[in-house]
Every structure is written in C-alpha cells, then in structure tokens.
Amino acid sequence: MMPNFLFTSESVTEGHPDKVADQISDAILDTILDKDPYARVACETLVTTGLALIAGEITTDCYVDMPKVVRGTIKEIGYTDSSMGFDWQTCAVLISIDKQSPDIAMGVDRDGDIGAGDQGLMFGYACDETPDYMPMPIWYAHKLAQRLAEVRKTGILPFLRPDGKSQVTVKYEDRRPIACQSIVIAAQHEPHVTHKEIEEAVVEEVIKKVVAPEHLNGETQFFINSTGRFVVGGPLADCGMTGRKIIVDTYGGRGHHGGGAFSGKDPTKVDRSPSYMARYVAKNIVAAGLARECEVQVAYAIGV
C-alpha cells in the first residue's frame, strides 16, 4: 500500500434491515444460551414488509417463546408504528427450525472436549489508530451510526426513524490518519421534515458531536441524505438478512475476512468464537506496543 492514500469504511444503524435480522438472530441465541449454555444454535433471520422469518438448526432442551423474542427485539430497535411498513405488533413471525445435523453433532460433542463445528478460516486485526485499536474509518463510522440511534431515542432529533447508514473516508499520510476527507450519512426521517433541516441537524448533532475537530477541516465534505429524501426505509424498503454486514461487523475492509458471519451462532461455530480470539490476540499485541498493526489468521477442520 502506498504511504499516502484514502480509505473508506461504512457502518449501519440498528434499524438497518440487515442489522435488524442480525439482532433478532442474536436475541434468540442469547435467550436460549441463558437457559441452556450447552445448546447448539444456528439461527438465521429474514425481515421484509410485515414479515420476520426465522430459520435454522437449534438443538436444546429449553423452551423459548421465539415470537415474543422477535417482537421484543423489533420494538427495542424502534419499529413501533405500522406506518413504517414493519412494526413489532403487526408483523407476521414465521418459525422454521430443525435440530443440528447428527453428522455435525458427532464431531462437536466429544468426550471431555468440543470439536469445531465446521471448517473455515478467520482473521483478527488491530491497529493503533484509535483508543479501541480499530482503524479510524470504521471507528468513526460506528460512532456516527450509534449517535444517530442516540439522538433519535433520546428525542434530540425526534424526526429520525430507525434506518440509517454512515460512511467515512479518511485521508492518510505516511500511513497515518490525518483527517476525514468525506462523511456520508443516510438518516431515515419523518415525511414532514425538510432536507435542509435534516442536513443542518445531522451535521450539528451527529457529526460535530462525534468527530474530533482536528479530523474535520475546510476540505471535509458532508453528504447527508444525498438523494434528498429518505422516508421509506427499513424492511419495507429492503429485505434484510442475517450475515450480510460482515465487513461492518469487523474492520470496515481493513485486513482480511474469512467470509463467515457472527450473528445467531453459538460458540462452537468457528465463524464466531475464533474470530473473537484472533481479534483478542491481535489487539493485545498492539496494546503491548509490539506492533503498530497486527493481523492473526486461524483455520479449522470440522470436528477437530
């Protein structure tokens, strides 16, 4: 990589359709593991207009009221009005769950040990660009997405709706982040608000509350709802599915990615727990001052 370059990463809010699906899958997983720590869970979710479809393979002795979990998650995200085309009270919830394949189970459930639930490769990455040892583009993108949810839920910007995205392009010189070259925000909103009102509010209450002044300069470009309108959003506008935001969930395109998603998977699934451990190792190497950036790869064979 050249010493001077631009790098862009994006994030999404909790109301983005794919993130809604991720959160539903993880809510079901968490509820099951809370009752049965040894359960085997691979839960996938699809959300679209007026519908949440839950599928996958789950082996457990406990009972979970899945429609209740699904609706509670949707409510917490903020889809509480049927005018959005998707809300916690009126959406249909369909469940299609089977048990884990016995051919997989025999490799995972071993005497005194746990085998890998699949083959695959995973990566962990860390760098010293931010206090959390994350690359600056994805670090700022996450914080902007989180701020969009915060100002909506606290009433600072009450005209916002749950769906939204952020995107940050950072300028690097000598491989070090210097400033934000551009910031893109897509914020779903109520129909009565003008584009100018949204633009001014997002710049003042979101961007300037998140991005450090030294990373904003006269050249930084802001693109707020660049089509001019974002009223129709969420699962009404786009079908959402578990596992489609794997780059958002990791390092925003920095480093490598093995291709597996995290959400809805118990710790025996190698897509998830080894990725966390690889990140833990990489982060501690950077935190100890042994390297400015570090990437760790691991790989597994099923049952081993």
Protein backbone atom coordinates (compact mmCIF):
# COMPACT_ATOMS: atom_id res chain seq x y z
CA MET A 1 0.00 0.00 0.00
CA MET A 2 1.25 3.50 -0.86
CA PRO A 3 2.13 5.76 2.12
CA ASN A 4 -0.46 8.41 1.12
CA PHE A 5 -3.98 7.21 0.35
CA LEU A 6 -7.69 7.43 1.13
CA PHE A 7 -9.58 4.63 2.88
CA THR A 8 -13.35 4.33 3.29
CA SER A 9 -15.47 2.26 5.67
CA GLU A 10 -19.19 2.17 6.38
CA SER A 11 -21.47 1.23 9.27
CA VAL A 12 -25.23 0.87 9.73
CA THR A 13 -27.72 1.76 12.44
CA GLU A 14 -29.65 -0.76 14.49
CA GLY A 15 -32.68 -0.15 12.25
CA HIS A 16 -30.96 -1.14 9.01
CA PRO A 17 -32.78 -4.23 7.66
CA ASP A 18 -29.72 -6.48 7.74
CA LYS A 19 -28.88 -5.35 11.28
CA VAL A 20 -32.48 -5.95 12.37
CA ALA A 21 -32.04 -9.54 11.17
CA ASP A 22 -28.68 -9.87 12.96
CA GLN A 23 -30.15 -8.60 16.23
CA ILE A 24 -33.14 -10.94 16.08
CA SER A 25 -30.85 -13.93 15.48
CA ASP A 26 -28.60 -12.90 18.37
CA ALA A 27 -31.57 -12.23 20.68
CA ILE A 28 -32.86 -15.75 20.08
CA LEU A 29 -29.34 -17.14 20.63
CA ASP A 30 -28.87 -15.20 23.88
CA THR A 31 -32.26 -16.24 25.23
CA ILE A 32 -31.53 -19.91 24.55
CA LEU A 33 -27.98 -19.85 25.95
CA ASP A 34 -29.24 -18.10 29.08
CA LYS A 35 -31.40 -21.17 29.77
CA ASP A 36 -29.20 -23.84 28.19
CA PRO A 37 -25.47 -22.95 27.97
CA TYR A 38 -24.77 -26.14 26.02
CA ALA A 39 -27.35 -25.55 23.31
CA ARG A 40 -26.33 -25.68 19.66
CA VAL A 41 -27.73 -22.71 17.78
CA ALA A 42 -27.50 -21.60 14.16
CA CYS A 43 -30.29 -19.08 13.74
CA GLU A 44 -30.97 -17.14 10.53
CA THR A 45 -33.49 -14.33 10.09
CA LEU A 46 -35.11 -12.66 7.10
CA VAL A 47 -37.14 -9.48 7.50
CA THR A 48 -39.28 -7.81 4.85
CA THR A 49 -42.50 -5.83 4.66
CA GLY A 50 -44.70 -7.04 7.53
CA LEU A 51 -42.79 -10.29 8.00
CA ALA A 52 -39.97 -11.82 10.05
CA LEU A 53 -38.94 -15.35 9.06
CA ILE A 54 -36.77 -17.35 11.48
CA ALA A 55 -34.99 -20.49 10.24
CA GLY A 56 -32.01 -22.61 11.13
CA GLU A 57 -30.86 -25.51 13.27
CA ILE A 58 -31.22 -25.50 17.05
CA THR A 59 -30.65 -28.35 19.50
CA THR A 60 -31.70 -27.57 23.09
CA ASP A 61 -33.76 -28.89 26.00
CA CYS A 62 -35.19 -25.47 26.89
CA TYR A 63 -38.29 -23.70 25.62
CA VAL A 64 -38.11 -20.18 24.21
CA ASP A 65 -41.08 -18.12 23.07
CA MET A 66 -39.44 -17.08 19.80
CA PRO A 67 -42.22 -14.78 18.52
CA LYS A 68 -42.04 -12.88 21.82
CA VAL A 69 -38.27 -12.52 21.49
CA VAL A 70 -38.59 -11.40 17.88
CA ARG A 71 -41.25 -8.80 18.64
CA GLY A 72 -39.37 -7.50 21.67
CA THR A 73 -36.23 -7.00 19.62
CA ILE A 74 -38.11 -5.14 16.88
CA LYS A 75 -39.77 -2.92 19.49
CA GLU A 76 -36.45 -2.09 21.17
CA ILE A 77 -34.94 -1.10 17.83
CA GLY A 78 -37.75 1.39 17.31
CA TYR A 79 -40.15 -0.06 14.74
CA THR A 80 -43.25 0.79 16.74
CA ASP A 81 -45.52 2.36 14.10
CA SER A 82 -47.31 0.38 11.38
CA SER A 83 -46.95 3.35 9.02
CA MET A 84 -43.30 2.32 8.63
CA GLY A 85 -44.45 -0.89 6.92
CA PHE A 86 -42.85 -3.03 9.61
CA ASP A 87 -43.58 -2.90 13.34
CA TRP A 88 -43.37 -5.18 16.34
CA GLN A 89 -47.11 -5.59 16.92
CA THR A 90 -48.44 -6.28 13.43
CA CYS A 91 -45.62 -8.08 11.60
CA ALA A 92 -46.07 -11.79 11.00
CA VAL A 93 -43.47 -14.07 12.63
CA LEU A 94 -42.84 -17.41 10.91
CA ILE A 95 -40.62 -20.08 12.50
CA SER A 96 -38.95 -22.97 10.68
CA ILE A 97 -36.38 -24.62 12.96
CA ASP A 98 -34.78 -28.07 12.79
CA LYS A 99 -32.19 -29.79 15.02
CA GLN A 100 -28.47 -29.74 14.37
CA SER A 101 -27.39 -32.45 11.94
CA PRO A 102 -26.24 -35.58 13.82
CA ASP A 103 -23.27 -35.80 11.45
CA ILE A 104 -22.10 -32.39 12.68
CA ALA A 105 -23.03 -33.07 16.31
CA MET A 106 -20.82 -36.18 16.46
CA GLY A 107 -17.80 -34.02 15.63
CA VAL A 108 -18.69 -31.21 18.04
CA ASP A 109 -19.81 -33.16 21.11
CA ARG A 110 -16.73 -35.15 22.08
CA ASP A 111 -15.85 -36.74 25.41
CA GLY A 112 -14.25 -34.06 27.56
CA ASP A 113 -13.74 -31.74 24.60
CA ILE A 114 -15.52 -29.71 21.94
CA GLY A 115 -14.73 -30.11 18.27
CA ALA A 116 -15.00 -27.37 15.66
CA GLY A 117 -18.48 -27.08 14.17
CA ASP A 118 -17.15 -26.53 10.65
CA GLN A 119 -14.06 -25.97 8.59
CA GLY A 120 -13.02 -22.45 7.71
CA LEU A 121 -10.59 -19.56 8.10
CA MET A 122 -10.93 -16.48 10.32
CA PHE A 123 -8.97 -13.29 10.89
CA GLY A 124 -8.43 -10.87 13.73
CA TYR A 125 -6.99 -7.40 13.21
CA ALA A 126 -5.91 -4.44 15.35
CA CYS A 127 -4.03 -1.19 14.89
CA ASP A 128 -3.04 1.82 16.98
CA GLU A 129 -5.10 4.45 15.12
CA THR A 130 -7.82 4.74 17.79
CA PRO A 131 -8.24 4.04 21.54
CA ASP A 132 -10.14 0.83 20.71
CA TYR A 133 -7.36 -0.41 18.41
CA MET A 134 -9.67 -0.18 15.41
CA PRO A 135 -8.97 1.51 12.06
CA MET A 136 -10.15 5.13 12.13
CA PRO A 137 -12.61 4.88 9.20
CA ILE A 138 -14.72 2.09 10.74
CA TRP A 139 -14.26 3.53 14.26
CA TYR A 140 -15.83 6.84 13.24
CA ALA A 141 -18.44 5.13 11.07
CA HIS A 142 -19.62 3.07 14.07
CA LYS A 143 -19.72 6.08 16.36
CA LEU A 144 -21.77 8.07 13.84
CA ALA A 145 -24.26 5.20 13.47
CA GLN A 146 -24.53 4.89 17.25
CA ARG A 147 -25.07 8.64 17.56
CA LEU A 148 -27.89 8.51 15.01
CA ALA A 149 -29.68 5.98 17.23
CA GLU A 150 -28.92 8.00 20.37
CA VAL A 151 -30.33 11.31 19.10
CA ARG A 152 -33.42 9.50 17.84
CA LYS A 153 -34.16 7.61 21.04
CA THR A 154 -33.40 10.49 23.41
CA GLY A 155 -35.55 12.93 21.46
CA ILE A 156 -32.74 15.25 20.41
CA LEU A 157 -33.75 14.64 16.79
CA PRO A 158 -37.24 13.16 17.22
CA PHE A 159 -38.00 13.23 13.48
CA LEU A 160 -35.49 10.46 12.75
CA ARG A 161 -36.62 6.88 12.06
CA PRO A 162 -34.60 3.73 12.80
CA ASP A 163 -32.92 3.02 9.44
CA GLY A 164 -29.63 4.66 8.61
CA LYS A 165 -26.05 4.31 7.42
CA SER A 166 -22.75 6.12 7.81
CA GLN A 167 -19.64 6.17 5.68
CA VAL A 168 -16.29 7.79 6.42
CA THR A 169 -13.34 8.37 4.10
CA VAL A 170 -10.08 9.09 5.93
CA LYS A 171 -7.01 10.69 4.41
CA TYR A 172 -3.69 9.01 5.27
CA GLU A 173 -0.22 10.48 5.02
CA ASP A 174 2.83 8.31 5.69
CA ARG A 175 0.29 5.57 6.53
CA ARG A 176 -1.13 7.60 9.44
CA PRO A 177 -4.70 9.01 9.55
CA ILE A 178 -4.73 12.79 9.14
CA ALA A 179 -8.33 13.90 8.61
CA CYS A 180 -11.77 12.90 7.37
CA GLN A 181 -11.93 13.57 3.65
CA SER A 182 -15.68 12.97 3.45
CA ILE A 183 -18.58 11.81 5.63
CA VAL A 184 -21.76 10.29 4.24
CA ILE A 185 -24.90 9.95 6.36
CA ALA A 186 -28.19 8.34 5.34
CA ALA A 187 -30.79 9.01 8.03
CA GLN A 188 -34.39 7.83 7.67
CA HIS A 189 -36.83 10.53 8.72
CA GLU A 190 -40.46 11.56 9.11
CA PRO A 191 -42.07 12.92 5.92
CA HIS A 192 -42.74 16.42 7.25
CA VAL A 193 -39.08 17.41 7.74
CA THR A 194 -37.23 19.30 5.03
CA HIS A 195 -33.91 18.19 3.63
CA LYS A 196 -32.25 21.39 4.85
CA GLU A 197 -33.47 20.81 8.41
CA ILE A 198 -32.14 17.25 8.39
CA GLU A 199 -28.83 18.30 6.89
CA GLU A 200 -28.22 21.04 9.46
CA ALA A 201 -29.34 18.88 12.39
CA VAL A 202 -27.21 15.88 11.42
CA VAL A 203 -24.10 18.00 10.92
CA GLU A 204 -24.51 19.76 14.28
CA GLU A 205 -25.92 16.98 16.48
CA VAL A 206 -24.29 13.92 14.96
CA ILE A 207 -21.12 14.65 13.01
CA LYS A 208 -19.72 17.50 15.12
CA LYS A 209 -20.59 15.64 18.34
CA VAL A 210 -18.63 12.58 17.20
CA VAL A 211 -15.71 13.57 15.00
CA ALA A 212 -12.81 15.33 16.71
CA PRO A 213 -12.27 18.92 15.47
CA GLU A 214 -8.73 18.10 14.35
CA HIS A 215 -10.16 15.48 11.97
CA LEU A 216 -12.51 17.99 10.34
CA ASN A 217 -11.10 20.70 8.13
CA GLY A 218 -12.19 23.05 5.38
CA GLU A 219 -11.84 20.26 2.84
CA THR A 220 -14.08 17.75 4.61
CA GLN A 221 -17.20 17.09 2.53
CA PHE A 222 -20.57 16.19 4.06
CA PHE A 223 -23.18 14.21 2.13
CA ILE A 224 -26.43 13.99 4.10
CA ASN A 225 -29.31 12.04 2.52
CA SER A 226 -27.82 12.78 -0.87
CA THR A 227 -30.94 11.73 -2.82
CA GLY A 228 -32.84 14.46 -0.97
CA ARG A 229 -35.35 12.19 0.80
CA PHE A 230 -35.27 9.05 2.97
CA VAL A 231 -38.76 8.43 4.35
CA VAL A 232 -39.31 4.86 3.15
CA GLY A 233 -36.75 2.64 4.83
CA GLY A 234 -36.20 -0.42 6.99
CA PRO A 235 -37.59 -3.81 5.92
CA LEU A 236 -40.29 -2.00 3.92
CA ALA A 237 -37.66 -0.65 1.54
CA ASP A 238 -35.15 -3.52 1.57
CA CYS A 239 -35.25 -7.16 2.57
CA GLY A 240 -32.84 -7.77 5.44
CA MET A 241 -30.97 -10.99 6.20
CA THR A 242 -28.63 -12.25 8.90
CA GLY A 243 -24.97 -12.17 7.95
CA ARG A 244 -24.94 -9.57 5.20
CA LYS A 245 -22.95 -6.95 7.12
CA ILE A 246 -19.81 -8.97 7.83
CA ILE A 247 -17.44 -6.14 6.85
CA VAL A 248 -19.34 -3.71 9.08
CA ASP A 249 -19.06 -6.26 11.89
CA THR A 250 -15.29 -6.50 11.56
CA TYR A 251 -12.80 -3.88 10.34
CA GLY A 252 -14.54 -1.99 7.56
CA GLY A 253 -12.49 -3.57 4.81
CA ARG A 254 -9.11 -3.36 6.52
CA GLY A 255 -7.24 -6.60 6.93
CA HIS A 256 -8.80 -9.79 5.58
CA HIS A 257 -12.11 -11.59 6.13
CA GLY A 258 -12.78 -15.32 6.11
CA GLY A 259 -16.33 -14.88 4.82
CA GLY A 260 -18.31 -16.15 7.82
CA ALA A 261 -20.91 -14.18 9.77
CA PHE A 262 -21.23 -13.93 13.56
CA SER A 263 -24.89 -13.45 14.46
CA GLY A 264 -27.11 -16.28 15.63
CA LYS A 265 -24.25 -18.73 16.20
CA ASP A 266 -23.25 -20.39 19.46
CA PRO A 267 -19.55 -20.58 20.48
CA THR A 268 -18.96 -23.95 18.78
CA LYS A 269 -19.39 -22.21 15.43
CA VAL A 270 -15.92 -21.35 14.20
CA ASP A 271 -17.11 -18.28 12.30
CA ARG A 272 -17.66 -16.54 15.62
CA SER A 273 -15.55 -17.54 18.64
CA PRO A 274 -12.20 -17.97 16.81
CA SER A 275 -12.70 -14.58 15.15
CA TYR A 276 -13.11 -13.06 18.62
CA MET A 277 -9.99 -14.82 19.88
CA ALA A 278 -7.94 -13.76 16.85
CA ARG A 279 -9.02 -10.16 17.47
CA TYR A 280 -8.12 -10.52 21.17
CA VAL A 281 -4.60 -11.72 20.31
CA ALA A 282 -4.06 -9.02 17.68
CA LYS A 283 -5.35 -6.28 20.00
CA ASN A 284 -3.10 -7.32 22.87
CA ILE A 285 -0.03 -7.38 20.63
CA VAL A 286 -0.75 -3.81 19.54
CA ALA A 287 -1.69 -2.68 23.06
CA ALA A 288 1.61 -4.05 24.36
CA GLY A 289 3.49 -1.85 21.88
CA LEU A 290 4.92 -4.81 19.98
CA ALA A 291 3.47 -3.62 16.67
CA ARG A 292 1.50 -0.70 15.23
CA GLU A 293 -0.84 -3.11 13.50
CA CYS A 294 -1.33 -6.85 13.67
CA GLU A 295 -3.37 -9.46 11.85
CA VAL A 296 -3.90 -13.02 13.06
CA GLN A 297 -5.30 -15.89 10.98
CA VAL A 298 -6.65 -19.19 12.29
CA ALA A 299 -8.14 -22.15 10.43
CA TYR A 300 -10.15 -25.22 11.42
CA ALA A 301 -11.25 -28.64 10.22
CA ILE A 302 -14.68 -29.84 11.31
CA GLY A 303 -14.65 -32.00 14.40
CA VAL A 304 -11.01 -31.19 15.25
